[in-house]
Amino acid sequence: MSLLVDFLATTGGEFPIYFVAVYVVGFIAAVSIGSIAWYNSKRPAGWENAQRPDFVPDMEDEKESSESQSSGKS
């Protein structure tokens, strides 16, 4: 810990904040996109009947979308 304090003292506190901001924003984006992808994927064992959170958009499977398009045409 004292090494970090010594480093910050010698650099004059000029550590570029935008580097940290990029990492924080990237981490938040990765967690958000990963969560949406996980909730829209096939459920692992034991999670088959889990409720989908309200903030996760509902995605249709390719089979469901093609069946609804073919039934709508006839």
N, C-alpha and C. Protein backbone atom coordinates (compact mmCIF):
# COMPACT_ATOMS: atom_id res chain seq x y z
N MET A 1 0.83 -1.19 0.00
CA MET A 1 0.00 0.00 0.00
C MET A 1 0.87 1.26 0.00
N SER A 2 1.98 1.18 0.74
CA SER A 2 2.85 2.35 0.80
C SER A 2 3.50 2.61 -0.56
N LEU A 3 3.69 1.55 -1.37
CA LEU A 3 4.25 1.75 -2.71
C LEU A 3 3.28 2.54 -3.58
N LEU A 4 1.99 2.27 -3.45
CA LEU A 4 0.99 3.00 -4.22
C LEU A 4 0.98 4.47 -3.81
N VAL A 5 1.04 4.72 -2.52
CA VAL A 5 1.05 6.10 -2.02
C VAL A 5 2.31 6.82 -2.50
N ASP A 6 3.46 6.13 -2.42
CA ASP A 6 4.71 6.74 -2.90
C ASP A 6 4.65 7.03 -4.40
N PHE A 7 4.04 6.10 -5.17
CA PHE A 7 3.92 6.31 -6.62
C PHE A 7 3.04 7.52 -6.93
N LEU A 8 1.92 7.61 -6.24
CA LEU A 8 1.02 8.73 -6.49
C LEU A 8 1.64 10.05 -6.05
N ALA A 9 2.43 10.00 -5.00
CA ALA A 9 3.08 11.22 -4.52
C ALA A 9 4.15 11.70 -5.50
N THR A 10 4.88 10.76 -6.09
CA THR A 10 5.94 11.15 -7.02
C THR A 10 5.39 11.60 -8.37
N THR A 11 4.26 11.06 -8.79
CA THR A 11 3.69 11.46 -10.08
C THR A 11 2.86 12.73 -9.96
N GLY A 12 2.63 13.18 -8.76
CA GLY A 12 1.88 14.42 -8.59
C GLY A 12 0.39 14.24 -8.78
N GLY A 13 -0.11 13.01 -8.73
CA GLY A 13 -1.54 12.77 -8.88
C GLY A 13 -2.04 13.00 -10.28
N GLU A 14 -1.18 12.88 -11.27
CA GLU A 14 -1.57 13.11 -12.66
C GLU A 14 -1.95 11.82 -13.36
N PHE A 15 -2.50 10.87 -12.63
CA PHE A 15 -2.93 9.61 -13.24
C PHE A 15 -4.14 9.88 -14.11
N PRO A 16 -4.09 9.49 -15.38
CA PRO A 16 -5.21 9.79 -16.29
C PRO A 16 -6.49 9.05 -15.88
N ILE A 17 -7.47 9.81 -15.51
CA ILE A 17 -8.73 9.26 -15.04
C ILE A 17 -9.49 8.56 -16.18
N TYR A 18 -9.29 8.99 -17.41
CA TYR A 18 -10.02 8.39 -18.52
C TYR A 18 -9.63 6.92 -18.73
N PHE A 19 -8.43 6.52 -18.34
CA PHE A 19 -8.08 5.10 -18.40
C PHE A 19 -8.99 4.29 -17.49
N VAL A 20 -9.17 4.78 -16.29
CA VAL A 20 -10.03 4.09 -15.33
C VAL A 20 -11.47 4.12 -15.82
N ALA A 21 -11.90 5.24 -16.38
CA ALA A 21 -13.27 5.36 -16.87
C ALA A 21 -13.54 4.36 -17.99
N VAL A 22 -12.58 4.16 -18.88
CA VAL A 22 -12.75 3.20 -19.97
C VAL A 22 -12.92 1.79 -19.42
N TYR A 23 -12.10 1.44 -18.43
CA TYR A 23 -12.21 0.11 -17.82
C TYR A 23 -13.54 -0.07 -17.10
N VAL A 24 -13.99 0.94 -16.39
CA VAL A 24 -15.25 0.84 -15.65
C VAL A 24 -16.43 0.72 -16.61
N VAL A 25 -16.46 1.55 -17.63
CA VAL A 25 -17.54 1.49 -18.61
C VAL A 25 -17.51 0.16 -19.37
N GLY A 26 -16.33 -0.32 -19.71
CA GLY A 26 -16.22 -1.61 -20.40
C GLY A 26 -16.68 -2.76 -19.53
N PHE A 27 -16.35 -2.72 -18.24
CA PHE A 27 -16.79 -3.78 -17.33
C PHE A 27 -18.31 -3.78 -17.19
N ILE A 28 -18.90 -2.61 -17.04
CA ILE A 28 -20.36 -2.51 -16.92
C ILE A 28 -21.03 -3.00 -18.20
N ALA A 29 -20.50 -2.63 -19.36
CA ALA A 29 -21.07 -3.09 -20.63
C ALA A 29 -20.95 -4.60 -20.78
N ALA A 30 -19.80 -5.15 -20.41
CA ALA A 30 -19.60 -6.60 -20.52
C ALA A 30 -20.55 -7.36 -19.62
N VAL A 31 -20.74 -6.89 -18.40
CA VAL A 31 -21.65 -7.55 -17.48
C VAL A 31 -23.09 -7.45 -17.97
N SER A 32 -23.48 -6.28 -18.48
CA SER A 32 -24.86 -6.10 -18.97
C SER A 32 -25.13 -6.98 -20.19
N ILE A 33 -24.25 -6.95 -21.17
CA ILE A 33 -24.45 -7.75 -22.38
C ILE A 33 -24.38 -9.23 -22.06
N GLY A 34 -23.46 -9.62 -21.19
CA GLY A 34 -23.35 -11.02 -20.79
C GLY A 34 -24.58 -11.50 -20.06
N SER A 35 -25.15 -10.66 -19.21
CA SER A 35 -26.36 -11.04 -18.48
C SER A 35 -27.54 -11.24 -19.43
N ILE A 36 -27.69 -10.33 -20.37
CA ILE A 36 -28.79 -10.46 -21.34
C ILE A 36 -28.60 -11.73 -22.17
N ALA A 37 -27.38 -12.00 -22.60
CA ALA A 37 -27.12 -13.20 -23.39
C ALA A 37 -27.36 -14.46 -22.57
N TRP A 38 -26.99 -14.44 -21.31
CA TRP A 38 -27.18 -15.62 -20.47
C TRP A 38 -28.66 -15.87 -20.23
N TYR A 39 -29.42 -14.82 -19.95
CA TYR A 39 -30.85 -15.00 -19.69
C TYR A 39 -31.60 -15.44 -20.94
N ASN A 40 -31.11 -15.08 -22.12
CA ASN A 40 -31.77 -15.49 -23.35
C ASN A 40 -31.29 -16.84 -23.86
N SER A 41 -30.28 -17.41 -23.23
CA SER A 41 -29.76 -18.70 -23.67
C SER A 41 -30.56 -19.83 -23.02
N LYS A 42 -30.21 -21.04 -23.40
CA LYS A 42 -30.84 -22.20 -22.81
C LYS A 42 -30.47 -22.26 -21.33
N ARG A 43 -31.43 -22.57 -20.49
CA ARG A 43 -31.21 -22.59 -19.05
C ARG A 43 -30.37 -23.80 -18.63
N PRO A 44 -29.41 -23.60 -17.73
CA PRO A 44 -28.66 -24.74 -17.21
C PRO A 44 -29.54 -25.60 -16.30
N ALA A 45 -29.06 -26.79 -15.95
CA ALA A 45 -29.82 -27.71 -15.12
C ALA A 45 -30.20 -27.05 -13.80
N GLY A 46 -31.46 -27.13 -13.47
CA GLY A 46 -31.95 -26.52 -12.24
C GLY A 46 -32.52 -25.13 -12.42
N TRP A 47 -32.29 -24.51 -13.57
CA TRP A 47 -32.77 -23.15 -13.82
C TRP A 47 -33.86 -23.12 -14.90
N GLU A 48 -34.41 -24.27 -15.26
CA GLU A 48 -35.37 -24.32 -16.36
C GLU A 48 -36.61 -23.48 -16.10
N ASN A 49 -37.08 -23.43 -14.84
CA ASN A 49 -38.32 -22.71 -14.51
C ASN A 49 -38.05 -21.35 -13.89
N ALA A 50 -36.85 -20.83 -14.04
CA ALA A 50 -36.50 -19.53 -13.45
C ALA A 50 -37.22 -18.41 -14.19
N GLN A 51 -37.62 -17.40 -13.45
CA GLN A 51 -38.29 -16.25 -14.04
C GLN A 51 -37.28 -15.36 -14.76
N ARG A 52 -37.68 -14.85 -15.90
CA ARG A 52 -36.84 -13.91 -16.64
C ARG A 52 -37.06 -12.51 -16.05
N PRO A 53 -35.97 -11.76 -15.75
CA PRO A 53 -36.14 -10.40 -15.21
C PRO A 53 -36.85 -9.50 -16.22
N ASP A 54 -37.52 -8.48 -15.72
CA ASP A 54 -38.30 -7.58 -16.58
C ASP A 54 -37.43 -6.78 -17.54
N PHE A 55 -36.17 -6.49 -17.16
CA PHE A 55 -35.33 -5.64 -18.00
C PHE A 55 -34.69 -6.40 -19.17
N VAL A 56 -34.84 -7.73 -19.22
CA VAL A 56 -34.25 -8.53 -20.29
C VAL A 56 -35.28 -8.65 -21.42
N PRO A 57 -34.92 -8.23 -22.64
CA PRO A 57 -35.88 -8.33 -23.74
C PRO A 57 -36.13 -9.78 -24.13
N ASP A 58 -37.34 -10.07 -24.58
CA ASP A 58 -37.71 -11.42 -24.99
C ASP A 58 -37.31 -11.63 -26.44
N MET A 59 -36.50 -12.65 -26.69
CA MET A 59 -36.02 -12.94 -28.04
C MET A 59 -36.73 -14.20 -28.54
N GLU A 60 -37.10 -14.19 -29.82
CA GLU A 60 -37.73 -15.36 -30.42
C GLU A 60 -36.67 -16.28 -30.99
N ASP A 61 -36.93 -17.60 -30.95
CA ASP A 61 -36.06 -18.56 -31.62
C ASP A 61 -36.29 -18.48 -33.12
N GLU A 62 -35.34 -18.97 -33.91
CA GLU A 62 -35.50 -18.96 -35.36
C GLU A 62 -36.68 -19.84 -35.77
N LYS A 63 -36.87 -20.96 -35.09
CA LYS A 63 -37.98 -21.85 -35.41
C LYS A 63 -39.31 -21.16 -35.16
N GLU A 64 -39.43 -20.47 -34.02
CA GLU A 64 -40.69 -19.79 -33.68
C GLU A 64 -40.99 -18.68 -34.68
N SER A 65 -39.96 -17.91 -35.08
CA SER A 65 -40.20 -16.80 -35.99
C SER A 65 -40.55 -17.31 -37.39
N SER A 66 -39.94 -18.41 -37.84
CA SER A 66 -40.27 -18.94 -39.16
C SER A 66 -41.65 -19.58 -39.16
N GLU A 67 -42.05 -20.21 -38.07
CA GLU A 67 -43.38 -20.80 -37.98
C GLU A 67 -44.46 -19.71 -37.96
N SER A 68 -44.20 -18.62 -37.25
CA SER A 68 -45.19 -17.55 -37.19
C SER A 68 -45.31 -16.86 -38.53
N GLN A 69 -44.21 -16.76 -39.29
CA GLN A 69 -44.27 -16.13 -40.61
C GLN A 69 -45.01 -17.04 -41.59
N SER A 70 -44.77 -18.35 -41.52
CA SER A 70 -45.44 -19.26 -42.46
C SER A 70 -46.93 -19.37 -42.13
N SER A 71 -47.29 -19.31 -40.85
CA SER A 71 -48.72 -19.41 -40.51
C SER A 71 -49.44 -18.12 -40.86
N GLY A 72 -48.75 -17.01 -40.87
CA GLY A 72 -49.35 -15.73 -41.22
C GLY A 72 -49.59 -15.58 -42.70
N LYS A 73 -48.86 -16.30 -43.53
CA LYS A 73 -48.99 -16.18 -44.99
C LYS A 73 -50.19 -16.95 -45.52
N SER A 74 -50.61 -18.00 -44.82
CA SER A 74 -51.71 -18.81 -45.36
C SER A 74 -53.06 -18.31 -45.01
